[in-house]
Amino acid sequence: MGLWACLAVISPFPFYYYLWTHPQKWVDLCGSGRDPCKVMAIVSHFIKLIQFISLLSVSTFSWPPPLYFWPLFIFGQFLNFRVYQLLGEDGTYYGVRFGKNIPWVTEFPFGVIRDPQYVGSILSLLACLSWVPFLYIFLWVLGYTFMIQVESKEDPATRAKPLS
């Protein structure tokens, strides 16, 4: 089960990497009439479900959680929800890469925290360290760190053609 859980934990990152580096291929694959952001969101949610199931398979739960759990998890989830609130589905799921015009956002947490959605996800994962073995949290955080690096080098010339 350990190897399968490791593979499941890192499974979304090749997908995200492919979409970031080949956005036009994804737009073409989605075809006309299908929103590439919406399709990415559906696939991402399915992969996220697989990640969570794999973590549950290797976790041991105890109650109450350690005191550090609550501030890390609550602030991490606040960042995730705030990013989604400000960017919406199109902004969260690579809309700018798929040729959509996404307005620049400066409200908190943007401008204060670099990559707030990834930071929020990492904080939420760290909150679960008392339940989930370190290896799985480490691999997941490594995946986020990899994507932070990939997404920090965006070349506008590689964006997909604007959607009509």
C-alpha atoms as a PDB file:
ATOM      1  CA  MET A   1       0.000   0.000   0.000  1.00  0.00           C
ATOM      2  CA  GLY A   2       2.892   2.373   0.717  1.00  0.00           C
ATOM      3  CA  LEU A   3       4.152   2.522  -2.873  1.00  0.00           C
ATOM      4  CA  TRP A   4       0.636   3.068  -4.232  1.00  0.00           C
ATOM      5  CA  ALA A   5       0.036   5.819  -1.702  1.00  0.00           C
ATOM      6  CA  CYS A   6       3.310   7.515  -2.703  1.00  0.00           C
ATOM      7  CA  LEU A   7       2.356   7.365  -6.386  1.00  0.00           C
ATOM      8  CA  ALA A   8      -1.132   8.671  -5.667  1.00  0.00           C
ATOM      9  CA  VAL A   9       0.232  11.575  -3.617  1.00  0.00           C
ATOM     10  CA  ILE A  10       2.483  12.759  -6.458  1.00  0.00           C
ATOM     11  CA  SER A  11       0.029  11.887  -9.266  1.00  0.00           C
ATOM     12  CA  PRO A  12      -1.364  15.377  -9.955  1.00  0.00           C
ATOM     13  CA  PHE A  13       1.972  17.060 -10.479  1.00  0.00           C
ATOM     14  CA  PRO A  14       2.842  15.557 -13.892  1.00  0.00           C
ATOM     15  CA  PHE A  15      -0.675  16.561 -14.993  1.00  0.00           C
ATOM     16  CA  TYR A  16      -0.232  20.143 -13.758  1.00  0.00           C
ATOM     17  CA  TYR A  17       3.237  20.316 -15.315  1.00  0.00           C
ATOM     18  CA  TYR A  18       1.904  19.143 -18.677  1.00  0.00           C
ATOM     19  CA  LEU A  19      -0.932  21.674 -18.653  1.00  0.00           C
ATOM     20  CA  TRP A  20       1.376  24.517 -17.652  1.00  0.00           C
ATOM     21  CA  THR A  21       3.975  23.716 -20.299  1.00  0.00           C
ATOM     22  CA  HIS A  22       1.580  22.670 -23.105  1.00  0.00           C
ATOM     23  CA  PRO A  23      -1.570  24.764 -22.652  1.00  0.00           C
ATOM     24  CA  GLN A  24      -2.498  24.811 -26.346  1.00  0.00           C
ATOM     25  CA  LYS A  25      -2.447  21.009 -26.504  1.00  0.00           C
ATOM     26  CA  TRP A  26      -4.848  20.901 -23.548  1.00  0.00           C
ATOM     27  CA  VAL A  27      -7.167  23.476 -25.135  1.00  0.00           C
ATOM     28  CA  ASP A  28      -7.120  21.461 -28.380  1.00  0.00           C
ATOM     29  CA  LEU A  29      -7.736  18.212 -26.487  1.00  0.00           C
ATOM     30  CA  CYS A  30     -10.732  19.731 -24.713  1.00  0.00           C
ATOM     31  CA  GLY A  31     -12.140  20.759 -28.080  1.00  0.00           C
ATOM     32  CA  SER A  32     -14.433  23.593 -29.000  1.00  0.00           C
ATOM     33  CA  GLY A  33     -17.357  24.151 -26.701  1.00  0.00           C
ATOM     34  CA  ARG A  34     -15.571  22.704 -23.651  1.00  0.00           C
ATOM     35  CA  ASP A  35     -13.989  25.073 -21.188  1.00  0.00           C
ATOM     36  CA  PRO A  36     -10.400  23.917 -20.531  1.00  0.00           C
ATOM     37  CA  CYS A  37     -10.506  25.390 -17.001  1.00  0.00           C
ATOM     38  CA  LYS A  38     -13.664  23.482 -16.135  1.00  0.00           C
ATOM     39  CA  VAL A  39     -12.254  20.237 -17.554  1.00  0.00           C
ATOM     40  CA  MET A  40      -9.007  20.798 -15.630  1.00  0.00           C
ATOM     41  CA  ALA A  41     -11.030  21.417 -12.453  1.00  0.00           C
ATOM     42  CA  ILE A  42     -12.967  18.165 -12.889  1.00  0.00           C
ATOM     43  CA  VAL A  43      -9.816  16.116 -13.526  1.00  0.00           C
ATOM     44  CA  SER A  44      -8.014  17.871 -10.657  1.00  0.00           C
ATOM     45  CA  HIS A  45     -10.850  17.130  -8.225  1.00  0.00           C
ATOM     46  CA  PHE A  46     -10.805  13.475  -9.220  1.00  0.00           C
ATOM     47  CA  ILE A  47      -7.030  13.279  -8.719  1.00  0.00           C
ATOM     48  CA  LYS A  48      -7.379  15.109  -5.387  1.00  0.00           C
ATOM     49  CA  LEU A  49      -9.907  12.473  -4.289  1.00  0.00           C
ATOM     50  CA  ILE A  50      -7.376   9.749  -5.128  1.00  0.00           C
ATOM     51  CA  GLN A  51      -4.727  11.635  -3.138  1.00  0.00           C
ATOM     52  CA  PHE A  52      -6.981  11.887  -0.075  1.00  0.00           C
ATOM     53  CA  ILE A  53      -8.020   8.231  -0.257  1.00  0.00           C
ATOM     54  CA  SER A  54      -4.360   7.226  -0.450  1.00  0.00           C
ATOM     55  CA  LEU A  55      -3.549   9.373   2.599  1.00  0.00           C
ATOM     56  CA  LEU A  56      -6.441   7.853   4.522  1.00  0.00           C
ATOM     57  CA  SER A  57      -5.066   4.400   3.753  1.00  0.00           C
ATOM     58  CA  VAL A  58      -1.772   5.166   5.530  1.00  0.00           C
ATOM     59  CA  SER A  59      -3.046   7.446   8.304  1.00  0.00           C
ATOM     60  CA  THR A  60      -3.762   6.805  11.950  1.00  0.00           C
ATOM     61  CA  PHE A  61      -6.158   9.178  13.654  1.00  0.00           C
ATOM     62  CA  SER A  62      -6.328  10.208  17.256  1.00  0.00           C
ATOM     63  CA  TRP A  63      -8.401  12.815  19.023  1.00  0.00           C
ATOM     64  CA  PRO A  64      -7.855  15.527  19.971  1.00  0.00           C
ATOM     65  CA  PRO A  65      -5.336  16.685  17.408  1.00  0.00           C
ATOM     66  CA  PRO A  66      -2.213  18.490  18.604  1.00  0.00           C
ATOM     67  CA  LEU A  67      -2.624  22.206  19.304  1.00  0.00           C
ATOM     68  CA  TYR A  68      -0.646  23.172  16.188  1.00  0.00           C
ATOM     69  CA  PHE A  69      -3.274  21.472  14.012  1.00  0.00           C
ATOM     70  CA  TRP A  70      -5.985  24.122  14.346  1.00  0.00           C
ATOM     71  CA  PRO A  71      -4.060  27.304  13.447  1.00  0.00           C
ATOM     72  CA  LEU A  72      -2.184  25.634  10.580  1.00  0.00           C
ATOM     73  CA  PHE A  73      -5.232  23.942   9.107  1.00  0.00           C
ATOM     74  CA  ILE A  74      -7.629  26.868   9.533  1.00  0.00           C
ATOM     75  CA  PHE A  75      -5.208  29.450   8.112  1.00  0.00           C
ATOM     76  CA  GLY A  76      -4.196  27.096   5.296  1.00  0.00           C
ATOM     77  CA  GLN A  77      -7.808  26.520   4.303  1.00  0.00           C
ATOM     78  CA  PHE A  78      -8.568  30.226   4.642  1.00  0.00           C
ATOM     79  CA  LEU A  79      -5.805  30.946   2.108  1.00  0.00           C
ATOM     80  CA  ASN A  80      -7.149  28.299  -0.276  1.00  0.00           C
ATOM     81  CA  PHE A  81     -10.724  29.556  -0.081  1.00  0.00           C
ATOM     82  CA  ARG A  82      -9.618  33.192  -0.391  1.00  0.00           C
ATOM     83  CA  VAL A  83      -7.573  32.470  -3.515  1.00  0.00           C
ATOM     84  CA  TYR A  84     -10.510  30.663  -5.078  1.00  0.00           C
ATOM     85  CA  GLN A  85     -12.843  33.483  -4.042  1.00  0.00           C
ATOM     86  CA  LEU A  86     -10.613  36.104  -5.687  1.00  0.00           C
ATOM     87  CA  LEU A  87      -9.565  34.188  -8.805  1.00  0.00           C
ATOM     88  CA  GLY A  88     -12.574  31.991  -9.413  1.00  0.00           C
ATOM     89  CA  GLU A  89     -12.365  28.745 -11.310  1.00  0.00           C
ATOM     90  CA  ASP A  90     -10.752  30.313 -14.381  1.00  0.00           C
ATOM     91  CA  GLY A  91      -7.985  31.992 -12.421  1.00  0.00           C
ATOM     92  CA  THR A  92      -7.355  28.992 -10.178  1.00  0.00           C
ATOM     93  CA  TYR A  93      -7.282  26.466 -13.014  1.00  0.00           C
ATOM     94  CA  TYR A  94      -4.744  28.071 -15.382  1.00  0.00           C
ATOM     95  CA  GLY A  95      -7.188  30.251 -17.300  1.00  0.00           C
ATOM     96  CA  VAL A  96      -4.439  32.699 -18.236  1.00  0.00           C
ATOM     97  CA  ARG A  97      -2.448  29.809 -19.731  1.00  0.00           C
ATOM     98  CA  PHE A  98      -5.524  28.701 -21.697  1.00  0.00           C
ATOM     99  CA  GLY A  99      -5.956  32.105 -23.344  1.00  0.00           C
ATOM    100  CA  LYS A 100      -8.438  33.684 -20.939  1.00  0.00           C
ATOM    101  CA  ASN A 101      -8.132  37.254 -19.750  1.00  0.00           C
ATOM    102  CA  ILE A 102      -7.796  37.012 -15.972  1.00  0.00           C
ATOM    103  CA  PRO A 103      -7.594  40.351 -14.126  1.00  0.00           C
ATOM    104  CA  TRP A 104      -4.604  40.928 -11.856  1.00  0.00           C
ATOM    105  CA  VAL A 105      -5.549  40.564  -8.178  1.00  0.00           C
ATOM    106  CA  THR A 106      -3.848  42.539  -5.409  1.00  0.00           C
ATOM    107  CA  GLU A 107      -6.154  41.937  -2.423  1.00  0.00           C
ATOM    108  CA  PHE A 108      -4.932  39.829   0.500  1.00  0.00           C
ATOM    109  CA  PRO A 109      -3.352  37.300   0.391  1.00  0.00           C
ATOM    110  CA  PHE A 110      -1.907  38.342  -2.970  1.00  0.00           C
ATOM    111  CA  GLY A 111       0.896  40.852  -2.645  1.00  0.00           C
ATOM    112  CA  VAL A 112       1.549  39.643   0.900  1.00  0.00           C
ATOM    113  CA  ILE A 113       2.126  35.902   0.450  1.00  0.00           C
ATOM    114  CA  ARG A 114       3.844  34.529  -2.613  1.00  0.00           C
ATOM    115  CA  ASP A 115       1.840  31.600  -4.039  1.00  0.00           C
ATOM    116  CA  PRO A 116      -0.865  31.787  -1.364  1.00  0.00           C
ATOM    117  CA  GLN A 117      -2.793  28.763  -2.596  1.00  0.00           C
ATOM    118  CA  TYR A 118       0.262  26.532  -2.430  1.00  0.00           C
ATOM    119  CA  VAL A 119       1.230  27.996   0.948  1.00  0.00           C
ATOM    120  CA  GLY A 120      -2.282  27.301   2.214  1.00  0.00           C
ATOM    121  CA  SER A 121      -2.169  23.736   0.961  1.00  0.00           C
ATOM    122  CA  ILE A 122       1.253  23.150   2.500  1.00  0.00           C
ATOM    123  CA  LEU A 123       0.110  24.550   5.867  1.00  0.00           C
ATOM    124  CA  SER A 124      -2.939  22.276   5.795  1.00  0.00           C
ATOM    125  CA  LEU A 125      -0.750  19.268   5.063  1.00  0.00           C
ATOM    126  CA  LEU A 126       1.706  20.143   7.827  1.00  0.00           C
ATOM    127  CA  ALA A 127      -1.220  20.350  10.217  1.00  0.00           C
ATOM    128  CA  CYS A 128      -1.842  16.650   9.578  1.00  0.00           C
ATOM    129  CA  LEU A 129       1.667  15.471  10.469  1.00  0.00           C
ATOM    130  CA  SER A 130       0.472  13.809  13.666  1.00  0.00           C
ATOM    131  CA  TRP A 131      -1.811  11.535  11.621  1.00  0.00           C
ATOM    132  CA  VAL A 132      -0.052  11.071   8.288  1.00  0.00           C
ATOM    133  CA  PRO A 133       3.457   9.605   8.010  1.00  0.00           C
ATOM    134  CA  PHE A 134       6.098  12.193   7.171  1.00  0.00           C
ATOM    135  CA  LEU A 135       7.018  10.602   3.807  1.00  0.00           C
ATOM    136  CA  TYR A 136       3.604  11.288   2.291  1.00  0.00           C
ATOM    137  CA  ILE A 137       3.447  14.875   3.523  1.00  0.00           C
ATOM    138  CA  PHE A 138       7.007  15.401   2.282  1.00  0.00           C
ATOM    139  CA  LEU A 139       6.204  14.065  -1.210  1.00  0.00           C
ATOM    140  CA  TRP A 140       3.081  16.201  -1.480  1.00  0.00           C
ATOM    141  CA  VAL A 141       4.934  19.330  -0.328  1.00  0.00           C
ATOM    142  CA  LEU A 142       7.748  18.493  -2.763  1.00  0.00           C
ATOM    143  CA  GLY A 143       5.170  18.399  -5.558  1.00  0.00           C
ATOM    144  CA  TYR A 144       3.852  21.824  -4.595  1.00  0.00           C
ATOM    145  CA  THR A 145       7.384  23.203  -4.375  1.00  0.00           C
ATOM    146  CA  PHE A 146       8.102  21.827  -7.851  1.00  0.00           C
ATOM    147  CA  MET A 147       4.987  23.511  -9.260  1.00  0.00           C
ATOM    148  CA  ILE A 148       5.856  26.808  -7.567  1.00  0.00           C
ATOM    149  CA  GLN A 149       9.156  26.718  -9.461  1.00  0.00           C
ATOM    150  CA  VAL A 150       7.523  25.717 -12.762  1.00  0.00           C
ATOM    151  CA  GLU A 151       4.826  28.385 -12.528  1.00  0.00           C
ATOM    152  CA  SER A 152       7.305  31.114 -11.530  1.00  0.00           C
ATOM    153  CA  LYS A 153       8.859  30.921 -15.000  1.00  0.00           C
ATOM    154  CA  GLU A 154       5.799  31.638 -17.093  1.00  0.00           C
ATOM    155  CA  ASP A 155       6.531  32.667 -20.673  1.00  0.00           C
ATOM    156  CA  PRO A 156       3.523  34.566 -22.087  1.00  0.00           C
ATOM    157  CA  ALA A 157       4.563  33.436 -25.583  1.00  0.00           C
ATOM    158  CA  THR A 158       3.678  29.849 -24.646  1.00  0.00           C
ATOM    159  CA  ARG A 159       0.073  30.645 -23.718  1.00  0.00           C
ATOM    160  CA  ALA A 160      -2.739  29.131 -25.720  1.00  0.00           C
ATOM    161  CA  LYS A 161      -4.520  31.234 -28.325  1.00  0.00           C
ATOM    162  CA  PRO A 162      -7.277  33.371 -26.797  1.00  0.00           C
ATOM    163  CA  LEU A 163     -10.553  31.526 -26.463  1.00  0.00           C
ATOM    164  CA  SER A 164     -13.344  32.895 -28.603  1.00  0.00           C
END
